[in-house]
Amino acid sequence: MRRTALMLALTLALGIAVEIIGQQIANAQQLSDARVADLIRAGRVRVGLGLVPTFAVKDPATGELRGVAMDLARALAARPGVELLPVEYPSPPSVLEGLKSAAWMWGF
């Protein structure tokens, strides 16, 4: 039960982040946001993904990441037309450690 609640919370948080960034990108022409300009200039976005069943899993046959998190990450990269660089972690808490060390951050 706790794991399901955690996965739902992480999915909701990622969805909110995608929406916020999407809105920033959509308004980039009207509002000159330096962060959006950096993202476009870099041409790529690094997204941290914790490998948790139904959230993000690695296909054992192909090695590709798939799941809700990857779908959201692809949408995040597709909107401004930048390359997606997924950074995988064994669990959601380790994703936060990656953020603290700047291993993944959009636009960098």
PDB file of N, CA and C in Angstrom:
ATOM      1  N   MET A   1       0.815  -1.187   0.000  1.00  0.00           N
ATOM      2  CA  MET A   1       0.000   0.000   0.000  1.00  0.00           C
ATOM      3  C   MET A   1       0.869   1.265   0.000  1.00  0.00           C
ATOM      4  N   ARG A   2       1.924   1.249   0.842  1.00  0.00           N
ATOM      5  CA  ARG A   2       2.803   2.417   0.914  1.00  0.00           C
ATOM      6  C   ARG A   2       3.528   2.630  -0.416  1.00  0.00           C
ATOM      7  N   ARG A   3       3.939   1.534  -1.051  1.00  0.00           N
ATOM      8  CA  ARG A   3       4.653   1.627  -2.320  1.00  0.00           C
ATOM      9  C   ARG A   3       3.742   2.212  -3.402  1.00  0.00           C
ATOM     10  N   THR A   4       2.474   1.785  -3.419  1.00  0.00           N
ATOM     11  CA  THR A   4       1.511   2.308  -4.390  1.00  0.00           C
ATOM     12  C   THR A   4       1.311   3.798  -4.185  1.00  0.00           C
ATOM     13  N   ALA A   5       1.182   4.209  -2.925  1.00  0.00           N
ATOM     14  CA  ALA A   5       1.006   5.632  -2.632  1.00  0.00           C
ATOM     15  C   ALA A   5       2.223   6.438  -3.076  1.00  0.00           C
ATOM     16  N   LEU A   6       3.409   5.890  -2.841  1.00  0.00           N
ATOM     17  CA  LEU A   6       4.642   6.572  -3.266  1.00  0.00           C
ATOM     18  C   LEU A   6       4.698   6.703  -4.784  1.00  0.00           C
ATOM     19  N   MET A   7       4.349   5.635  -5.486  1.00  0.00           N
ATOM     20  CA  MET A   7       4.371   5.673  -6.949  1.00  0.00           C
ATOM     21  C   MET A   7       3.362   6.690  -7.482  1.00  0.00           C
ATOM     22  N   LEU A   8       2.177   6.719  -6.879  1.00  0.00           N
ATOM     23  CA  LEU A   8       1.171   7.701  -7.316  1.00  0.00           C
ATOM     24  C   LEU A   8       1.656   9.126  -7.058  1.00  0.00           C
ATOM     25  N   ALA A   9       2.266   9.341  -5.915  1.00  0.00           N
ATOM     26  CA  ALA A   9       2.780  10.672  -5.594  1.00  0.00           C
ATOM     27  C   ALA A   9       3.888  11.084  -6.562  1.00  0.00           C
ATOM     28  N   LEU A  10       4.793  10.148  -6.876  1.00  0.00           N
ATOM     29  CA  LEU A  10       5.873  10.466  -7.817  1.00  0.00           C
ATOM     30  C   LEU A  10       5.335  10.734  -9.215  1.00  0.00           C
ATOM     31  N   THR A  11       4.338   9.949  -9.628  1.00  0.00           N
ATOM     32  CA  THR A  11       3.731  10.167 -10.943  1.00  0.00           C
ATOM     33  C   THR A  11       3.063  11.533 -10.998  1.00  0.00           C
ATOM     34  N   LEU A  12       2.343  11.879  -9.949  1.00  0.00           N
ATOM     35  CA  LEU A  12       1.685  13.187  -9.887  1.00  0.00           C
ATOM     36  C   LEU A  12       2.716  14.312  -9.918  1.00  0.00           C
ATOM     37  N   ALA A  13       3.792  14.164  -9.148  1.00  0.00           N
ATOM     38  CA  ALA A  13       4.830  15.204  -9.116  1.00  0.00           C
ATOM     39  C   ALA A  13       5.482  15.377 -10.480  1.00  0.00           C
ATOM     40  N   LEU A  14       5.781  14.270 -11.159  1.00  0.00           N
ATOM     41  CA  LEU A  14       6.391  14.361 -12.489  1.00  0.00           C
ATOM     42  C   LEU A  14       5.420  14.987 -13.479  1.00  0.00           C
ATOM     43  N   GLY A  15       4.148  14.625 -13.369  1.00  0.00           N
ATOM     44  CA  GLY A  15       3.146  15.218 -14.256  1.00  0.00           C
ATOM     45  C   GLY A  15       3.024  16.720 -14.058  1.00  0.00           C
ATOM     46  N   ILE A  16       3.049  17.145 -12.813  1.00  0.00           N
ATOM     47  CA  ILE A  16       2.981  18.580 -12.514  1.00  0.00           C
ATOM     48  C   ILE A  16       4.218  19.287 -13.060  1.00  0.00           C
ATOM     49  N   ALA A  17       5.394  18.672 -12.876  1.00  0.00           N
ATOM     50  CA  ALA A  17       6.625  19.275 -13.388  1.00  0.00           C
ATOM     51  C   ALA A  17       6.584  19.412 -14.902  1.00  0.00           C
ATOM     52  N   VAL A  18       6.095  18.373 -15.589  1.00  0.00           N
ATOM     53  CA  VAL A  18       5.992  18.430 -17.051  1.00  0.00           C
ATOM     54  C   VAL A  18       5.038  19.547 -17.459  1.00  0.00           C
ATOM     55  N   GLU A  19       3.931  19.679 -16.766  1.00  0.00           N
ATOM     56  CA  GLU A  19       2.964  20.726 -17.099  1.00  0.00           C
ATOM     57  C   GLU A  19       3.554  22.117 -16.885  1.00  0.00           C
ATOM     58  N   ILE A  20       4.236  22.300 -15.774  1.00  0.00           N
ATOM     59  CA  ILE A  20       4.839  23.608 -15.481  1.00  0.00           C
ATOM     60  C   ILE A  20       5.891  23.963 -16.530  1.00  0.00           C
ATOM     61  N   ILE A  21       6.769  23.021 -16.829  1.00  0.00           N
ATOM     62  CA  ILE A  21       7.808  23.279 -17.823  1.00  0.00           C
ATOM     63  C   ILE A  21       7.182  23.488 -19.192  1.00  0.00           C
ATOM     64  N   GLY A  22       6.143  22.704 -19.504  1.00  0.00           N
ATOM     65  CA  GLY A  22       5.438  22.876 -20.776  1.00  0.00           C
ATOM     66  C   GLY A  22       4.837  24.266 -20.907  1.00  0.00           C
ATOM     67  N   GLN A  23       4.258  24.760 -19.827  1.00  0.00           N
ATOM     68  CA  GLN A  23       3.699  26.104 -19.847  1.00  0.00           C
ATOM     69  C   GLN A  23       4.794  27.157 -20.021  1.00  0.00           C
ATOM     70  N   GLN A  24       5.920  26.947 -19.379  1.00  0.00           N
ATOM     71  CA  GLN A  24       7.028  27.885 -19.545  1.00  0.00           C
ATOM     72  C   GLN A  24       7.511  27.904 -20.986  1.00  0.00           C
ATOM     73  N   ILE A  25       7.605  26.739 -21.583  1.00  0.00           N
ATOM     74  CA  ILE A  25       8.067  26.650 -22.961  1.00  0.00           C
ATOM     75  C   ILE A  25       7.040  27.272 -23.902  1.00  0.00           C
ATOM     76  N   ALA A  26       5.754  27.010 -23.644  1.00  0.00           N
ATOM     77  CA  ALA A  26       4.699  27.562 -24.489  1.00  0.00           C
ATOM     78  C   ALA A  26       4.705  29.091 -24.452  1.00  0.00           C
ATOM     79  N   ASN A  27       5.053  29.641 -23.315  1.00  0.00           N
ATOM     80  CA  ASN A  27       5.063  31.097 -23.166  1.00  0.00           C
ATOM     81  C   ASN A  27       6.436  31.708 -23.440  1.00  0.00           C
ATOM     82  N   ALA A  28       7.388  30.907 -23.862  1.00  0.00           N
ATOM     83  CA  ALA A  28       8.761  31.383 -24.038  1.00  0.00           C
ATOM     84  C   ALA A  28       8.870  32.517 -25.041  1.00  0.00           C
ATOM     85  N   GLN A  29       8.028  32.504 -26.072  1.00  0.00           N
ATOM     86  CA  GLN A  29       8.102  33.563 -27.069  1.00  0.00           C
ATOM     87  C   GLN A  29       7.623  34.888 -26.490  1.00  0.00           C
ATOM     88  N   GLN A  30       6.668  34.821 -25.564  1.00  0.00           N
ATOM     89  CA  GLN A  30       6.144  36.041 -24.965  1.00  0.00           C
ATOM     90  C   GLN A  30       6.994  36.501 -23.782  1.00  0.00           C
ATOM     91  N   LEU A  31       7.471  35.520 -22.996  1.00  0.00           N
ATOM     92  CA  LEU A  31       8.286  35.821 -21.827  1.00  0.00           C
ATOM     93  C   LEU A  31       9.701  35.313 -22.082  1.00  0.00           C
ATOM     94  N   SER A  32      10.655  36.174 -22.112  1.00  0.00           N
ATOM     95  CA  SER A  32      12.028  35.753 -22.366  1.00  0.00           C
ATOM     96  C   SER A  32      12.604  35.153 -21.097  1.00  0.00           C
ATOM     97  N   ASP A  33      12.386  33.866 -20.894  1.00  0.00           N
ATOM     98  CA  ASP A  33      12.883  33.156 -19.726  1.00  0.00           C
ATOM     99  C   ASP A  33      14.243  32.563 -20.075  1.00  0.00           C
ATOM    100  N   ALA A  34      15.259  32.956 -19.347  1.00  0.00           N
ATOM    101  CA  ALA A  34      16.625  32.500 -19.622  1.00  0.00           C
ATOM    102  C   ALA A  34      16.758  30.988 -19.479  1.00  0.00           C
ATOM    103  N   ARG A  35      15.984  30.373 -18.558  1.00  0.00           N
ATOM    104  CA  ARG A  35      16.069  28.922 -18.376  1.00  0.00           C
ATOM    105  C   ARG A  35      15.569  28.194 -19.614  1.00  0.00           C
ATOM    106  N   VAL A  36      14.499  28.686 -20.211  1.00  0.00           N
ATOM    107  CA  VAL A  36      13.966  28.054 -21.428  1.00  0.00           C
ATOM    108  C   VAL A  36      14.954  28.250 -22.569  1.00  0.00           C
ATOM    109  N   ALA A  37      15.522  29.432 -22.658  1.00  0.00           N
ATOM    110  CA  ALA A  37      16.519  29.692 -23.701  1.00  0.00           C
ATOM    111  C   ALA A  37      17.718  28.764 -23.542  1.00  0.00           C
ATOM    112  N   ASP A  38      18.139  28.514 -22.283  1.00  0.00           N
ATOM    113  CA  ASP A  38      19.248  27.589 -22.033  1.00  0.00           C
ATOM    114  C   ASP A  38      18.887  26.178 -22.477  1.00  0.00           C
ATOM    115  N   LEU A  39      17.669  25.762 -22.194  1.00  0.00           N
ATOM    116  CA  LEU A  39      17.212  24.428 -22.598  1.00  0.00           C
ATOM    117  C   LEU A  39      17.248  24.281 -24.111  1.00  0.00           C
ATOM    118  N   ILE A  40      16.735  25.260 -24.818  1.00  0.00           N
ATOM    119  CA  ILE A  40      16.710  25.221 -26.281  1.00  0.00           C
ATOM    120  C   ILE A  40      18.133  25.263 -26.830  1.00  0.00           C
ATOM    121  N   ARG A  41      18.969  26.113 -26.252  1.00  0.00           N
ATOM    122  CA  ARG A  41      20.354  26.246 -26.710  1.00  0.00           C
ATOM    123  C   ARG A  41      21.132  24.944 -26.479  1.00  0.00           C
ATOM    124  N   ALA A  42      20.906  24.300 -25.333  1.00  0.00           N
ATOM    125  CA  ALA A  42      21.599  23.043 -25.033  1.00  0.00           C
ATOM    126  C   ALA A  42      21.131  21.929 -25.960  1.00  0.00           C
ATOM    127  N   GLY A  43      19.871  21.982 -26.364  1.00  0.00           N
ATOM    128  CA  GLY A  43      19.352  20.990 -27.293  1.00  0.00           C
ATOM    129  C   GLY A  43      19.092  19.629 -26.678  1.00  0.00           C
ATOM    130  N   ARG A  44      19.109  19.564 -25.347  1.00  0.00           N
ATOM    131  CA  ARG A  44      18.857  18.289 -24.684  1.00  0.00           C
ATOM    132  C   ARG A  44      18.331  18.539 -23.267  1.00  0.00           C
ATOM    133  N   VAL A  45      17.691  17.507 -22.730  1.00  0.00           N
ATOM    134  CA  VAL A  45      17.194  17.577 -21.357  1.00  0.00           C
ATOM    135  C   VAL A  45      17.530  16.254 -20.675  1.00  0.00           C
ATOM    136  N   ARG A  46      18.139  16.332 -19.503  1.00  0.00           N
ATOM    137  CA  ARG A  46      18.442  15.135 -18.713  1.00  0.00           C
ATOM    138  C   ARG A  46      17.343  14.966 -17.674  1.00  0.00           C
ATOM    139  N   VAL A  47      16.739  13.788 -17.661  1.00  0.00           N
ATOM    140  CA  VAL A  47      15.634  13.501 -16.757  1.00  0.00           C
ATOM    141  C   VAL A  47      16.008  12.313 -15.881  1.00  0.00           C
ATOM    142  N   GLY A  48      15.907  12.476 -14.552  1.00  0.00           N
ATOM    143  CA  GLY A  48      16.183  11.387 -13.624  1.00  0.00           C
ATOM    144  C   GLY A  48      14.969  10.488 -13.498  1.00  0.00           C
ATOM    145  N   LEU A  49      15.183   9.178 -13.619  1.00  0.00           N
ATOM    146  CA  LEU A  49      14.104   8.200 -13.536  1.00  0.00           C
ATOM    147  C   LEU A  49      14.469   7.103 -12.541  1.00  0.00           C
ATOM    148  N   GLY A  50      13.618   6.925 -11.528  1.00  0.00           N
ATOM    149  CA  GLY A  50      13.796   5.827 -10.578  1.00  0.00           C
ATOM    150  C   GLY A  50      13.119   4.584 -11.112  1.00  0.00           C
ATOM    151  N   LEU A  51      13.845   3.495 -11.183  1.00  0.00           N
ATOM    152  CA  LEU A  51      13.293   2.254 -11.719  1.00  0.00           C
ATOM    153  C   LEU A  51      12.388   1.600 -10.679  1.00  0.00           C
ATOM    154  N   VAL A  52      11.086   1.725 -10.887  1.00  0.00           N
ATOM    155  CA  VAL A  52      10.056   1.170 -10.029  1.00  0.00           C
ATOM    156  C   VAL A  52       8.991   0.586 -10.949  1.00  0.00           C
ATOM    157  N   PRO A  53       8.569  -0.659 -10.725  1.00  0.00           N
ATOM    158  CA  PRO A  53       7.547  -1.253 -11.605  1.00  0.00           C
ATOM    159  C   PRO A  53       6.344  -0.329 -11.803  1.00  0.00           C
ATOM    160  N   THR A  54       5.878  -0.252 -13.016  1.00  0.00           N
ATOM    161  CA  THR A  54       4.777   0.579 -13.528  1.00  0.00           C
ATOM    162  C   THR A  54       5.140   2.053 -13.642  1.00  0.00           C
ATOM    163  N   PHE A  55       6.182   2.499 -12.998  1.00  0.00           N
ATOM    164  CA  PHE A  55       6.598   3.894 -13.117  1.00  0.00           C
ATOM    165  C   PHE A  55       7.670   4.013 -14.192  1.00  0.00           C
ATOM    166  N   ALA A  56       8.722   3.224 -14.054  1.00  0.00           N
ATOM    167  CA  ALA A  56       9.784   3.143 -15.061  1.00  0.00           C
ATOM    168  C   ALA A  56      10.484   1.800 -14.880  1.00  0.00           C
ATOM    169  N   VAL A  57      10.575   1.050 -15.951  1.00  0.00           N
ATOM    170  CA  VAL A  57      11.247  -0.251 -15.909  1.00  0.00           C
ATOM    171  C   VAL A  57      12.186  -0.360 -17.095  1.00  0.00           C
ATOM    172  N   LYS A  58      13.184  -1.217 -16.954  1.00  0.00           N
ATOM    173  CA  LYS A  58      14.131  -1.451 -18.036  1.00  0.00           C
ATOM    174  C   LYS A  58      13.777  -2.784 -18.682  1.00  0.00           C
ATOM    175  N   ASP A  59      13.529  -2.759 -19.973  1.00  0.00           N
ATOM    176  CA  ASP A  59      13.203  -3.978 -20.708  1.00  0.00           C
ATOM    177  C   ASP A  59      14.435  -4.875 -20.717  1.00  0.00           C
ATOM    178  N   PRO A  60      14.339  -6.093 -20.170  1.00  0.00           N
ATOM    179  CA  PRO A  60      15.524  -6.952 -20.106  1.00  0.00           C
ATOM    180  C   PRO A  60      16.033  -7.396 -21.487  1.00  0.00           C
ATOM    181  N   ALA A  61      15.150  -7.460 -22.465  1.00  0.00           N
ATOM    182  CA  ALA A  61      15.566  -7.910 -23.799  1.00  0.00           C
ATOM    183  C   ALA A  61      16.277  -6.809 -24.573  1.00  0.00           C
ATOM    184  N   THR A  62      15.747  -5.575 -24.496  1.00  0.00           N
ATOM    185  CA  THR A  62      16.294  -4.485 -25.312  1.00  0.00           C
ATOM    186  C   THR A  62      17.140  -3.490 -24.519  1.00  0.00           C
ATOM    187  N   GLY A  63      16.958  -3.459 -23.188  1.00  0.00           N
ATOM    188  CA  GLY A  63      17.672  -2.488 -22.375  1.00  0.00           C
ATOM    189  C   GLY A  63      17.032  -1.112 -22.386  1.00  0.00           C
ATOM    190  N   GLU A  64      15.890  -0.970 -23.080  1.00  0.00           N
ATOM    191  CA  GLU A  64      15.210   0.323 -23.159  1.00  0.00           C
ATOM    192  C   GLU A  64      14.366   0.580 -21.918  1.00  0.00           C
ATOM    193  N   LEU A  65      14.285   1.838 -21.530  1.00  0.00           N
ATOM    194  CA  LEU A  65      13.416   2.234 -20.427  1.00  0.00           C
ATOM    195  C   LEU A  65      12.003   2.437 -20.976  1.00  0.00           C
ATOM    196  N   ARG A  66      11.019   1.999 -20.186  1.00  0.00           N
ATOM    197  CA  ARG A  66       9.633   2.210 -20.590  1.00  0.00           C
ATOM    198  C   ARG A  66       8.782   2.415 -19.343  1.00  0.00           C
ATOM    199  N   GLY A  67       7.578   2.904 -19.559  1.00  0.00           N
ATOM    200  CA  GLY A  67       6.659   3.144 -18.451  1.00  0.00           C
ATOM    201  C   GLY A  67       6.162   4.577 -18.464  1.00  0.00           C
ATOM    202  N   VAL A  68       5.358   4.901 -17.464  1.00  0.00           N
ATOM    203  CA  VAL A  68       4.741   6.225 -17.373  1.00  0.00           C
ATOM    204  C   VAL A  68       5.795   7.327 -17.308  1.00  0.00           C
ATOM    205  N   ALA A  69       6.829   7.119 -16.520  1.00  0.00           N
ATOM    206  CA  ALA A  69       7.874   8.142 -16.384  1.00  0.00           C
ATOM    207  C   ALA A  69       8.564   8.412 -17.715  1.00  0.00           C
ATOM    208  N   MET A  70       8.847   7.371 -18.475  1.00  0.00           N
ATOM    209  CA  MET A  70       9.484   7.567 -19.786  1.00  0.00           C
ATOM    210  C   MET A  70       8.536   8.276 -20.744  1.00  0.00           C
ATOM    211  N   ASP A  71       7.244   7.943 -20.701  1.00  0.00           N
ATOM    212  CA  ASP A  71       6.278   8.631 -21.555  1.00  0.00           C
ATOM    213  C   ASP A  71       6.253  10.126 -21.248  1.00  0.00           C
ATOM    214  N   LEU A  72       6.257  10.462 -19.963  1.00  0.00           N
ATOM    215  CA  LEU A  72       6.263  11.877 -19.573  1.00  0.00           C
ATOM    216  C   LEU A  72       7.575  12.554 -19.958  1.00  0.00           C
ATOM    217  N   ALA A  73       8.683  11.861 -19.775  1.00  0.00           N
ATOM    218  CA  ALA A  73       9.989  12.425 -20.146  1.00  0.00           C
ATOM    219  C   ALA A  73      10.066  12.680 -21.651  1.00  0.00           C
ATOM    220  N   ARG A  74       9.561  11.730 -22.444  1.00  0.00           N
ATOM    221  CA  ARG A  74       9.546  11.931 -23.908  1.00  0.00           C
ATOM    222  C   ARG A  74       8.696  13.143 -24.285  1.00  0.00           C
ATOM    223  N   ALA A  75       7.545  13.289 -23.627  1.00  0.00           N
ATOM    224  CA  ALA A  75       6.680  14.446 -23.901  1.00  0.00           C
ATOM    225  C   ALA A  75       7.380  15.747 -23.521  1.00  0.00           C
ATOM    226  N   LEU A  76       8.098  15.720 -22.414  1.00  0.00           N
ATOM    227  CA  LEU A  76       8.840  16.903 -21.968  1.00  0.00           C
ATOM    228  C   LEU A  76       9.880  17.321 -22.996  1.00  0.00           C
ATOM    229  N   ALA A  77      10.590  16.357 -23.560  1.00  0.00           N
ATOM    230  CA  ALA A  77      11.628  16.656 -24.550  1.00  0.00           C
ATOM    231  C   ALA A  77      11.043  16.996 -25.915  1.00  0.00           C
ATOM    232  N   ALA A  78       9.918  16.388 -26.267  1.00  0.00           N
ATOM    233  CA  ALA A  78       9.326  16.604 -27.589  1.00  0.00           C
ATOM    234  C   ALA A  78       8.750  18.002 -27.750  1.00  0.00           C
ATOM    235  N   ARG A  79       8.201  18.540 -26.685  1.00  0.00           N
ATOM    236  CA  ARG A  79       7.537  19.853 -26.791  1.00  0.00           C
ATOM    237  C   ARG A  79       8.477  20.937 -27.334  1.00  0.00           C
ATOM    238  N   PRO A  80       9.680  21.100 -26.769  1.00  0.00           N
ATOM    239  CA  PRO A  80      10.597  22.091 -27.335  1.00  0.00           C
ATOM    240  C   PRO A  80      11.483  21.519 -28.437  1.00  0.00           C
ATOM    241  N   GLY A  81      11.364  20.198 -28.682  1.00  0.00           N
ATOM    242  CA  GLY A  81      12.165  19.575 -29.737  1.00  0.00           C
ATOM    243  C   GLY A  81      13.613  19.357 -29.359  1.00  0.00           C
ATOM    244  N   VAL A  82      13.838  18.945 -28.113  1.00  0.00           N
ATOM    245  CA  VAL A  82      15.201  18.685 -27.660  1.00  0.00           C
ATOM    246  C   VAL A  82      15.402  17.191 -27.443  1.00  0.00           C
ATOM    247  N   GLU A  83      16.661  16.777 -27.370  1.00  0.00           N
ATOM    248  CA  GLU A  83      17.014  15.377 -27.169  1.00  0.00           C
ATOM    249  C   GLU A  83      16.771  14.979 -25.712  1.00  0.00           C
ATOM    250  N   LEU A  84      16.246  13.785 -25.511  1.00  0.00           N
ATOM    251  CA  LEU A  84      16.018  13.254 -24.166  1.00  0.00           C
ATOM    252  C   LEU A  84      17.208  12.400 -23.748  1.00  0.00           C
ATOM    253  N   LEU A  85      17.769  12.701 -22.582  1.00  0.00           N
ATOM    254  CA  LEU A  85      18.861  11.917 -22.015  1.00  0.00           C
ATOM    255  C   LEU A  85      18.385  11.373 -20.665  1.00  0.00           C
ATOM    256  N   PRO A  86      17.798  10.171 -20.638  1.00  0.00           N
ATOM    257  CA  PRO A  86      17.336   9.623 -19.356  1.00  0.00           C
ATOM    258  C   PRO A  86      18.509   9.199 -18.478  1.00  0.00           C
ATOM    259  N   VAL A  87      18.414   9.527 -17.204  1.00  0.00           N
ATOM    260  CA  VAL A  87      19.419   9.123 -16.224  1.00  0.00           C
ATOM    261  C   VAL A  87      18.694   8.199 -15.256  1.00  0.00           C
ATOM    262  N   GLU A  88      19.042   6.905 -15.281  1.00  0.00           N
ATOM    263  CA  GLU A  88      18.296   5.926 -14.489  1.00  0.00           C
ATOM    264  C   GLU A  88      18.915   5.701 -13.121  1.00  0.00           C
ATOM    265  N   TYR A  89      18.026   5.469 -12.149  1.00  0.00           N
ATOM    266  CA  TYR A  89      18.404   5.202 -10.769  1.00  0.00           C
ATOM    267  C   TYR A  89      17.651   3.969 -10.289  1.00  0.00           C
ATOM    268  N   PRO A  90      18.202   3.240  -9.313  1.00  0.00           N
ATOM    269  CA  PRO A  90      17.554   2.009  -8.862  1.00  0.00           C
ATOM    270  C   PRO A  90      16.282   2.229  -8.051  1.00  0.00           C
ATOM    271  N   SER A  91      16.074   3.438  -7.537  1.00  0.00           N
ATOM    272  CA  SER A  91      14.890   3.706  -6.714  1.00  0.00           C
ATOM    273  C   SER A  91      14.584   5.204  -6.717  1.00  0.00           C
ATOM    274  N   PRO A  92      13.337   5.579  -6.372  1.00  0.00           N
ATOM    275  CA  PRO A  92      12.988   7.006  -6.319  1.00  0.00           C
ATOM    276  C   PRO A  92      13.854   7.829  -5.365  1.00  0.00           C
ATOM    277  N   PRO A  93      14.196   7.347  -4.154  1.00  0.00           N
ATOM    278  CA  PRO A  93      15.054   8.168  -3.299  1.00  0.00           C
ATOM    279  C   PRO A  93      16.413   8.486  -3.936  1.00  0.00           C
ATOM    280  N   SER A  94      16.955   7.547  -4.704  1.00  0.00           N
ATOM    281  CA  SER A  94      18.247   7.805  -5.335  1.00  0.00           C
ATOM    282  C   SER A  94      18.137   8.860  -6.438  1.00  0.00           C
ATOM    283  N   VAL A  95      16.934   9.034  -6.998  1.00  0.00           N
ATOM    284  CA  VAL A  95      16.717  10.099  -7.986  1.00  0.00           C
ATOM    285  C   VAL A  95      16.940  11.455  -7.322  1.00  0.00           C
ATOM    286  N   LEU A  96      16.447  11.599  -6.097  1.00  0.00           N
ATOM    287  CA  LEU A  96      16.621  12.861  -5.380  1.00  0.00           C
ATOM    288  C   LEU A  96      18.088  13.130  -5.076  1.00  0.00           C
ATOM    289  N   GLU A  97      18.846  12.080  -4.775  1.00  0.00           N
ATOM    290  CA  GLU A  97      20.280  12.251  -4.562  1.00  0.00           C
ATOM    291  C   GLU A  97      20.949  12.744  -5.848  1.00  0.00           C
ATOM    292  N   GLY A  98      20.496  12.229  -6.993  1.00  0.00           N
ATOM    293  CA  GLY A  98      21.026  12.676  -8.278  1.00  0.00           C
ATOM    294  C   GLY A  98      20.721  14.142  -8.531  1.00  0.00           C
ATOM    295  N   LEU A  99      19.562  14.590  -8.091  1.00  0.00           N
ATOM    296  CA  LEU A  99      19.202  16.005  -8.240  1.00  0.00           C
ATOM    297  C   LEU A  99      20.113  16.876  -7.370  1.00  0.00           C
ATOM    298  N   LYS A 100      20.366  16.427  -6.152  1.00  0.00           N
ATOM    299  CA  LYS A 100      21.239  17.191  -5.252  1.00  0.00           C
ATOM    300  C   LYS A 100      22.642  17.348  -5.822  1.00  0.00           C
ATOM    301  N   SER A 101      23.119  16.316  -6.520  1.00  0.00           N
ATOM    302  CA  SER A 101      24.469  16.371  -7.086  1.00  0.00           C
ATOM    303  C   SER A 101      24.475  16.931  -8.511  1.00  0.00           C
ATOM    304  N   ALA A 102      23.306  17.367  -8.991  1.00  0.00           N
ATOM    305  CA  ALA A 102      23.151  17.940 -10.337  1.00  0.00           C
ATOM    306  C   ALA A 102      23.503  16.938 -11.442  1.00  0.00           C
ATOM    307  N   ALA A 103      23.275  15.642 -11.183  1.00  0.00           N
ATOM    308  CA  ALA A 103      23.509  14.628 -12.210  1.00  0.00           C
ATOM    309  C   ALA A 103      22.473  14.729 -13.319  1.00  0.00           C
ATOM    310  N   TRP A 104      21.306  15.261 -12.974  1.00  0.00           N
ATOM    311  CA  TRP A 104      20.274  15.490 -13.971  1.00  0.00           C
ATOM    312  C   TRP A 104      19.542  16.772 -13.603  1.00  0.00           C
ATOM    313  N   MET A 105      19.407  17.609 -14.581  1.00  0.00           N
ATOM    314  CA  MET A 105      18.649  18.855 -14.448  1.00  0.00           C
ATOM    315  C   MET A 105      18.303  19.278 -15.843  1.00  0.00           C
ATOM    316  N   TRP A 106      17.090  19.732 -16.066  1.00  0.00           N
ATOM    317  CA  TRP A 106      16.727  20.106 -17.422  1.00  0.00           C
ATOM    318  C   TRP A 106      17.574  21.296 -17.858  1.00  0.00           C
ATOM    319  N   GLY A 107      18.032  21.208 -19.084  1.00  0.00           N
ATOM    320  CA  GLY A 107      18.784  22.298 -19.692  1.00  0.00           C
ATOM    321  C   GLY A 107      20.262  22.310 -19.398  1.00  0.00           C
ATOM    322  N   PHE A 108      20.773  21.329 -18.677  1.00  0.00           N
ATOM    323  CA  PHE A 108      22.198  21.334 -18.350  1.00  0.00           C
ATOM    324  C   PHE A 108      22.862  20.095 -18.875  1.00  0.00           C
TER     325      PHE A 108
END
